[in-house]
Amino acid sequence: MAGICASIAAAFDGRDVVTLHPLLDRGVLAALARAGGRRGLGDRAAIMGLLAGDDLDPQVVTRSSKAHFLSAYLRERSREFARQWDGTSFHPELVDPEVLRAAWLARIPRGSAALALQAAWLACDGSAELEQTPGHRG
């Protein structure tokens, strides 16, 4: 997420624009957690309705299709990183590096492995700021 925020901030650099990502704002996340309680806020349609109210067409809020980004995200450069990764980015008692590598290199990778790939790359790159700090405004 930090990389996405940095890209958005770079796109608007030099312009009179403040860039934010609400899902990296601890206040927004805390409010959603409080509102949902132990059982959460419901399915996608319920949460979108809560967040967007009447601002979105009901067909958008209740759509049954799902956007898939893995074909864009886990392409050859990501797979090359996965093949060359030294396996040291995560605690060895919690993550089996070879199982994770296999997940990244699967013919159809699981979306749940994508964040770990980004975190491993950031850890190896040495420039990892994994979340926005309070007061960060791009």
C-alpha atoms as a PDB file:
ATOM      1  CA  MET A   1       0.000   0.000   0.000  1.00  0.00           C
ATOM      2  CA  ALA A   2       2.838   2.379   0.773  1.00  0.00           C
ATOM      3  CA  GLY A   3       4.137   1.884  -2.771  1.00  0.00           C
ATOM      4  CA  ILE A   4       0.729   2.668  -4.243  1.00  0.00           C
ATOM      5  CA  CYS A   5       0.473   5.798  -2.104  1.00  0.00           C
ATOM      6  CA  ALA A   6       3.972   6.872  -3.161  1.00  0.00           C
ATOM      7  CA  SER A   7       3.047   6.401  -6.832  1.00  0.00           C
ATOM      8  CA  ILE A   8      -0.123   8.439  -6.445  1.00  0.00           C
ATOM      9  CA  ALA A   9       1.771  11.154  -4.565  1.00  0.00           C
ATOM     10  CA  ALA A  10       4.434  11.239  -7.304  1.00  0.00           C
ATOM     11  CA  ALA A  11       1.768  11.589  -9.992  1.00  0.00           C
ATOM     12  CA  PHE A  12       0.428  14.717  -8.309  1.00  0.00           C
ATOM     13  CA  ASP A  13       3.775  16.117  -7.132  1.00  0.00           C
ATOM     14  CA  GLY A  14       4.054  19.849  -7.738  1.00  0.00           C
ATOM     15  CA  ARG A  15       0.309  20.302  -7.933  1.00  0.00           C
ATOM     16  CA  ASP A  16      -1.897  21.764  -5.243  1.00  0.00           C
ATOM     17  CA  VAL A  17      -3.275  18.337  -4.288  1.00  0.00           C
ATOM     18  CA  VAL A  18      -3.283  16.315  -1.077  1.00  0.00           C
ATOM     19  CA  THR A  19      -3.241  12.562  -1.643  1.00  0.00           C
ATOM     20  CA  LEU A  20      -4.606  10.179   0.972  1.00  0.00           C
ATOM     21  CA  HIS A  21      -5.551   6.536   1.193  1.00  0.00           C
ATOM     22  CA  PRO A  22      -8.374   6.065   3.690  1.00  0.00           C
ATOM     23  CA  LEU A  23      -7.571   2.409   4.309  1.00  0.00           C
ATOM     24  CA  LEU A  24      -4.138   3.426   5.634  1.00  0.00           C
ATOM     25  CA  ASP A  25      -5.627   5.976   8.007  1.00  0.00           C
ATOM     26  CA  ARG A  26      -5.775   4.542  11.512  1.00  0.00           C
ATOM     27  CA  GLY A  27      -8.790   6.691  12.372  1.00  0.00           C
ATOM     28  CA  VAL A  28     -10.792   5.314   9.439  1.00  0.00           C
ATOM     29  CA  LEU A  29      -9.788   1.752  10.267  1.00  0.00           C
ATOM     30  CA  ALA A  30     -10.665   2.237  13.940  1.00  0.00           C
ATOM     31  CA  ALA A  31     -14.074   3.659  13.016  1.00  0.00           C
ATOM     32  CA  LEU A  32     -14.795   0.704  10.717  1.00  0.00           C
ATOM     33  CA  ALA A  33     -13.715  -1.741  13.425  1.00  0.00           C
ATOM     34  CA  ARG A  34     -15.939  -0.045  16.020  1.00  0.00           C
ATOM     35  CA  ALA A  35     -18.896   0.065  13.647  1.00  0.00           C
ATOM     36  CA  GLY A  36     -18.538  -3.601  12.725  1.00  0.00           C
ATOM     37  CA  GLY A  37     -17.926  -4.980  16.172  1.00  0.00           C
ATOM     38  CA  ARG A  38     -17.089  -8.654  16.584  1.00  0.00           C
ATOM     39  CA  ARG A  39     -19.182  -9.783  13.626  1.00  0.00           C
ATOM     40  CA  GLY A  40     -18.032  -7.216  11.073  1.00  0.00           C
ATOM     41  CA  LEU A  41     -20.071  -5.014   8.809  1.00  0.00           C
ATOM     42  CA  GLY A  42     -21.436  -7.614   6.420  1.00  0.00           C
ATOM     43  CA  ASP A  43     -20.673  -8.493   2.845  1.00  0.00           C
ATOM     44  CA  ARG A  44     -19.213  -6.267   0.128  1.00  0.00           C
ATOM     45  CA  ALA A  45     -22.591  -4.761  -0.795  1.00  0.00           C
ATOM     46  CA  ALA A  46     -23.378  -3.870   2.828  1.00  0.00           C
ATOM     47  CA  ILE A  47     -19.988  -2.244   3.366  1.00  0.00           C
ATOM     48  CA  MET A  48     -20.116  -0.335   0.063  1.00  0.00           C
ATOM     49  CA  GLY A  49     -23.608   0.886   0.941  1.00  0.00           C
ATOM     50  CA  LEU A  50     -22.384   2.031   4.338  1.00  0.00           C
ATOM     51  CA  LEU A  51     -19.364   3.842   2.899  1.00  0.00           C
ATOM     52  CA  ALA A  52     -20.904   5.306  -0.254  1.00  0.00           C
ATOM     53  CA  GLY A  53     -24.552   5.648   0.710  1.00  0.00           C
ATOM     54  CA  ASP A  54     -26.591   6.866  -2.244  1.00  0.00           C
ATOM     55  CA  ASP A  55     -23.526   8.209  -4.093  1.00  0.00           C
ATOM     56  CA  LEU A  56     -23.098   4.974  -6.051  1.00  0.00           C
ATOM     57  CA  ASP A  57     -25.577   3.339  -8.383  1.00  0.00           C
ATOM     58  CA  PRO A  58     -27.099   0.255  -6.689  1.00  0.00           C
ATOM     59  CA  GLN A  59     -25.884  -1.890  -9.613  1.00  0.00           C
ATOM     60  CA  VAL A  60     -22.303  -0.923  -8.751  1.00  0.00           C
ATOM     61  CA  VAL A  61     -22.758  -1.636  -5.048  1.00  0.00           C
ATOM     62  CA  THR A  62     -24.401  -5.028  -5.576  1.00  0.00           C
ATOM     63  CA  ARG A  63     -22.395  -6.271  -8.554  1.00  0.00           C
ATOM     64  CA  SER A  64     -21.678  -9.980  -8.513  1.00  0.00           C
ATOM     65  CA  SER A  65     -18.496  -9.873 -10.569  1.00  0.00           C
ATOM     66  CA  LYS A  66     -15.104  -9.563  -8.926  1.00  0.00           C
ATOM     67  CA  ALA A  67     -12.123  -7.586 -10.155  1.00  0.00           C
ATOM     68  CA  HIS A  68      -8.961  -9.663 -10.502  1.00  0.00           C
ATOM     69  CA  PHE A  69      -5.575  -7.965 -10.474  1.00  0.00           C
ATOM     70  CA  LEU A  70      -3.159 -10.850 -10.080  1.00  0.00           C
ATOM     71  CA  SER A  71      -2.521 -11.167 -13.810  1.00  0.00           C
ATOM     72  CA  ALA A  72      -1.269  -7.588 -13.757  1.00  0.00           C
ATOM     73  CA  TYR A  73       0.492  -7.807 -10.403  1.00  0.00           C
ATOM     74  CA  LEU A  74       2.250 -11.189 -10.533  1.00  0.00           C
ATOM     75  CA  ARG A  75       3.929 -10.946 -13.909  1.00  0.00           C
ATOM     76  CA  GLU A  76       7.436 -11.911 -14.990  1.00  0.00           C
ATOM     77  CA  ARG A  77       9.381  -9.392 -12.880  1.00  0.00           C
ATOM     78  CA  SER A  78       7.522 -10.502  -9.750  1.00  0.00           C
ATOM     79  CA  ARG A  79       8.063 -14.146 -10.630  1.00  0.00           C
ATOM     80  CA  GLU A  80      11.766 -13.518 -11.232  1.00  0.00           C
ATOM     81  CA  PHE A  81      12.016 -11.942  -7.783  1.00  0.00           C
ATOM     82  CA  ALA A  82      10.204 -14.966  -6.302  1.00  0.00           C
ATOM     83  CA  ARG A  83      12.646 -17.369  -7.990  1.00  0.00           C
ATOM     84  CA  GLN A  84      15.696 -15.445  -6.708  1.00  0.00           C
ATOM     85  CA  TRP A  85      14.329 -14.534  -3.248  1.00  0.00           C
ATOM     86  CA  ASP A  86      16.643 -15.733  -0.444  1.00  0.00           C
ATOM     87  CA  GLY A  87      13.743 -16.598   1.871  1.00  0.00           C
ATOM     88  CA  THR A  88      14.921 -14.485   4.802  1.00  0.00           C
ATOM     89  CA  SER A  89      12.256 -11.767   4.926  1.00  0.00           C
ATOM     90  CA  PHE A  90       9.922 -13.532   7.373  1.00  0.00           C
ATOM     91  CA  HIS A  91      10.239 -15.288  10.727  1.00  0.00           C
ATOM     92  CA  PRO A  92      11.211 -18.900   9.899  1.00  0.00           C
ATOM     93  CA  GLU A  93       8.899 -20.380  12.539  1.00  0.00           C
ATOM     94  CA  LEU A  94       5.906 -18.607  10.984  1.00  0.00           C
ATOM     95  CA  VAL A  95       6.583 -18.795   7.252  1.00  0.00           C
ATOM     96  CA  ASP A  96       7.975 -21.680   5.218  1.00  0.00           C
ATOM     97  CA  PRO A  97       9.858 -19.859   2.438  1.00  0.00           C
ATOM     98  CA  GLU A  98       9.553 -22.700  -0.069  1.00  0.00           C
ATOM     99  CA  VAL A  99       5.799 -23.039   0.419  1.00  0.00           C
ATOM    100  CA  LEU A 100       5.432 -19.276   0.000  1.00  0.00           C
ATOM    101  CA  ARG A 101       7.661 -19.276  -3.104  1.00  0.00           C
ATOM    102  CA  ALA A 102       5.540 -22.074  -4.577  1.00  0.00           C
ATOM    103  CA  ALA A 103       2.412 -19.993  -3.938  1.00  0.00           C
ATOM    104  CA  TRP A 104       3.960 -17.020  -5.752  1.00  0.00           C
ATOM    105  CA  LEU A 105       5.058 -19.163  -8.693  1.00  0.00           C
ATOM    106  CA  ALA A 106       1.843 -21.162  -9.053  1.00  0.00           C
ATOM    107  CA  ARG A 107       0.199 -21.148 -12.476  1.00  0.00           C
ATOM    108  CA  ILE A 108      -2.688 -19.242 -10.889  1.00  0.00           C
ATOM    109  CA  PRO A 109      -1.244 -17.547  -7.770  1.00  0.00           C
ATOM    110  CA  ARG A 110      -3.441 -17.052  -4.733  1.00  0.00           C
ATOM    111  CA  GLY A 111      -4.283 -13.420  -4.086  1.00  0.00           C
ATOM    112  CA  SER A 112      -3.592 -13.933  -0.398  1.00  0.00           C
ATOM    113  CA  ALA A 113       0.119 -14.364  -1.211  1.00  0.00           C
ATOM    114  CA  ALA A 114       0.458 -11.024  -3.016  1.00  0.00           C
ATOM    115  CA  LEU A 115       0.977  -8.890   0.089  1.00  0.00           C
ATOM    116  CA  ALA A 116       3.745 -11.207   1.302  1.00  0.00           C
ATOM    117  CA  LEU A 117       5.450 -10.855  -2.087  1.00  0.00           C
ATOM    118  CA  GLN A 118       5.378  -7.082  -1.810  1.00  0.00           C
ATOM    119  CA  ALA A 119       6.615  -7.187   1.800  1.00  0.00           C
ATOM    120  CA  ALA A 120       9.470  -9.535   0.854  1.00  0.00           C
ATOM    121  CA  TRP A 121      10.477  -7.286  -2.028  1.00  0.00           C
ATOM    122  CA  LEU A 122      10.407  -4.211   0.197  1.00  0.00           C
ATOM    123  CA  ALA A 123      12.467  -5.990   2.867  1.00  0.00           C
ATOM    124  CA  CYS A 124      15.070  -7.037   0.297  1.00  0.00           C
ATOM    125  CA  ASP A 125      15.061  -3.606  -1.335  1.00  0.00           C
ATOM    126  CA  GLY A 126      15.762  -1.922   1.997  1.00  0.00           C
ATOM    127  CA  SER A 127      13.284   0.897   1.428  1.00  0.00           C
ATOM    128  CA  ALA A 128      10.363  -0.575   3.326  1.00  0.00           C
ATOM    129  CA  GLU A 129       7.958   1.883   4.886  1.00  0.00           C
ATOM    130  CA  LEU A 130       5.057  -0.505   5.158  1.00  0.00           C
ATOM    131  CA  GLU A 131       2.410   1.924   6.355  1.00  0.00           C
ATOM    132  CA  GLN A 132       1.723   5.618   6.303  1.00  0.00           C
ATOM    133  CA  THR A 133       2.760   7.354   9.461  1.00  0.00           C
ATOM    134  CA  PRO A 134       0.171   9.540  11.208  1.00  0.00           C
ATOM    135  CA  GLY A 135       0.027  12.917   9.533  1.00  0.00           C
ATOM    136  CA  HIS A 136       1.456  11.585   6.235  1.00  0.00           C
ATOM    137  CA  ARG A 137      -0.114  13.432   3.348  1.00  0.00           C
ATOM    138  CA  GLY A 138       1.659  11.964   0.335  1.00  0.00           C
END
